[in-house]
N, C-alpha and C. Protein backbone atom coordinates (compact mmCIF):
# COMPACT_ATOMS: atom_id res chain seq x y z
N MET A 1 -7.28 12.89 10.76
CA MET A 1 -6.82 11.52 10.84
C MET A 1 -5.32 11.54 11.08
N GLN A 2 -4.87 10.69 11.98
CA GLN A 2 -3.46 10.61 12.28
C GLN A 2 -2.74 9.76 11.25
N PRO A 3 -1.46 10.08 11.02
CA PRO A 3 -0.69 9.25 10.09
C PRO A 3 -0.57 7.82 10.59
N LEU A 4 -0.40 6.90 9.66
CA LEU A 4 -0.19 5.49 10.02
C LEU A 4 1.09 5.34 10.81
N LYS A 5 1.13 4.36 11.66
CA LYS A 5 2.32 4.11 12.45
C LYS A 5 3.19 3.06 11.74
N ILE A 6 3.77 3.50 10.62
CA ILE A 6 4.68 2.65 9.86
C ILE A 6 5.97 3.42 9.63
N SER A 7 7.02 2.68 9.36
CA SER A 7 8.32 3.34 9.14
C SER A 7 8.35 4.03 7.78
N LEU A 8 9.27 4.95 7.65
CA LEU A 8 9.45 5.67 6.40
C LEU A 8 9.76 4.72 5.26
N GLU A 9 10.62 3.73 5.53
CA GLU A 9 10.97 2.75 4.49
C GLU A 9 9.75 1.97 4.02
N THR A 10 8.92 1.57 4.97
CA THR A 10 7.69 0.83 4.61
C THR A 10 6.76 1.71 3.79
N ALA A 11 6.62 2.97 4.19
CA ALA A 11 5.75 3.89 3.45
C ALA A 11 6.28 4.10 2.04
N GLN A 12 7.59 4.21 1.90
CA GLN A 12 8.19 4.40 0.56
C GLN A 12 7.92 3.19 -0.33
N LYS A 13 8.09 1.99 0.24
CA LYS A 13 7.85 0.75 -0.53
C LYS A 13 6.39 0.66 -0.95
N LEU A 14 5.49 0.99 -0.01
CA LEU A 14 4.05 0.93 -0.33
C LEU A 14 3.69 1.95 -1.40
N ALA A 15 4.22 3.15 -1.28
CA ALA A 15 3.94 4.19 -2.27
C ALA A 15 4.39 3.76 -3.66
N LYS A 16 5.57 3.18 -3.73
CA LYS A 16 6.10 2.72 -5.02
C LYS A 16 5.26 1.58 -5.58
N ALA A 17 4.91 0.61 -4.73
CA ALA A 17 4.14 -0.55 -5.19
C ALA A 17 2.73 -0.14 -5.62
N LEU A 18 2.14 0.80 -4.90
CA LEU A 18 0.76 1.20 -5.22
C LEU A 18 0.70 2.32 -6.26
N GLY A 19 1.84 2.95 -6.51
CA GLY A 19 1.88 4.02 -7.51
C GLY A 19 1.19 5.28 -7.05
N ILE A 20 1.28 5.57 -5.75
CA ILE A 20 0.69 6.79 -5.22
C ILE A 20 1.73 7.54 -4.40
N PRO A 21 1.53 8.86 -4.20
CA PRO A 21 2.48 9.63 -3.40
C PRO A 21 2.56 9.14 -1.96
N ILE A 22 3.73 9.26 -1.38
CA ILE A 22 3.96 8.81 0.00
C ILE A 22 3.03 9.52 0.98
N GLU A 23 2.70 10.78 0.71
CA GLU A 23 1.81 11.51 1.61
C GLU A 23 0.43 10.85 1.70
N ARG A 24 -0.03 10.35 0.54
CA ARG A 24 -1.34 9.67 0.53
C ARG A 24 -1.27 8.35 1.30
N VAL A 25 -0.13 7.66 1.21
CA VAL A 25 0.03 6.40 1.94
C VAL A 25 -0.03 6.67 3.43
N MET A 26 0.68 7.68 3.88
CA MET A 26 0.79 7.96 5.32
C MET A 26 -0.56 8.39 5.92
N HIS A 27 -1.42 9.02 5.14
CA HIS A 27 -2.69 9.51 5.68
C HIS A 27 -3.88 8.70 5.20
N MET A 28 -3.61 7.55 4.63
CA MET A 28 -4.69 6.68 4.15
C MET A 28 -5.27 5.91 5.33
N PRO A 29 -6.57 5.79 5.43
CA PRO A 29 -7.15 4.98 6.50
C PRO A 29 -6.65 3.53 6.38
N PRO A 30 -6.37 2.89 7.53
CA PRO A 30 -5.81 1.54 7.49
C PRO A 30 -6.65 0.53 6.70
N HIS A 31 -7.96 0.62 6.78
CA HIS A 31 -8.79 -0.36 6.05
C HIS A 31 -8.69 -0.15 4.53
N ILE A 32 -8.50 1.08 4.09
CA ILE A 32 -8.33 1.36 2.65
C ILE A 32 -6.98 0.84 2.20
N LEU A 33 -5.96 1.07 3.02
CA LEU A 33 -4.62 0.57 2.68
C LEU A 33 -4.63 -0.95 2.56
N MET A 34 -5.29 -1.63 3.47
CA MET A 34 -5.37 -3.09 3.39
C MET A 34 -6.09 -3.54 2.11
N GLN A 35 -7.13 -2.83 1.74
CA GLN A 35 -7.87 -3.15 0.52
C GLN A 35 -6.95 -2.98 -0.71
N LYS A 36 -6.17 -1.90 -0.76
CA LYS A 36 -5.26 -1.67 -1.86
C LYS A 36 -4.19 -2.75 -1.93
N LEU A 37 -3.67 -3.17 -0.77
CA LEU A 37 -2.65 -4.21 -0.74
C LEU A 37 -3.22 -5.55 -1.21
N LEU A 38 -4.46 -5.85 -0.84
CA LEU A 38 -5.10 -7.08 -1.30
C LEU A 38 -5.30 -7.06 -2.82
N GLU A 39 -5.69 -5.90 -3.36
CA GLU A 39 -5.85 -5.78 -4.82
C GLU A 39 -4.51 -5.97 -5.51
N LEU A 40 -3.44 -5.39 -4.95
CA LEU A 40 -2.11 -5.53 -5.52
C LEU A 40 -1.66 -6.98 -5.50
N GLU A 41 -1.90 -7.67 -4.39
CA GLU A 41 -1.52 -9.08 -4.29
C GLU A 41 -2.31 -9.92 -5.29
N LYS A 42 -3.58 -9.61 -5.45
CA LYS A 42 -4.43 -10.36 -6.39
C LYS A 42 -3.90 -10.20 -7.82
N LYS A 43 -3.49 -8.95 -8.18
CA LYS A 43 -2.93 -8.70 -9.52
C LYS A 43 -1.64 -9.49 -9.73
N GLU A 44 -0.79 -9.49 -8.71
CA GLU A 44 0.47 -10.22 -8.82
C GLU A 44 0.24 -11.72 -8.97
N ASN A 45 -0.76 -12.25 -8.29
CA ASN A 45 -1.06 -13.66 -8.38
C ASN A 45 -1.63 -14.03 -9.74
N GLU A 46 -2.33 -13.10 -10.39
CA GLU A 46 -2.88 -13.35 -11.72
C GLU A 46 -1.74 -13.46 -12.74
N HIS A 47 -0.70 -12.67 -12.55
CA HIS A 47 0.42 -12.68 -13.49
C HIS A 47 1.37 -13.85 -13.26
N ASP A 48 1.43 -14.34 -12.03
CA ASP A 48 2.36 -15.42 -11.68
C ASP A 48 1.64 -16.48 -10.83
N PRO A 49 0.77 -17.25 -11.43
CA PRO A 49 0.05 -18.27 -10.64
C PRO A 49 0.94 -19.48 -10.37
N SER A 50 1.61 -19.50 -9.20
CA SER A 50 2.50 -20.61 -8.85
C SER A 50 1.81 -21.62 -8.00
């Protein structure tokens, strides 16, 4: 699988937000990454329902 086509800064931010190593972010399938981001957003909305 090829690495995602995202910048290093974006990968670093995603790794920090998701709590996983940057290498895993870069080689994660795009659909899995989107699922993780949706879960993260859902958690944030539960803590701060504006």
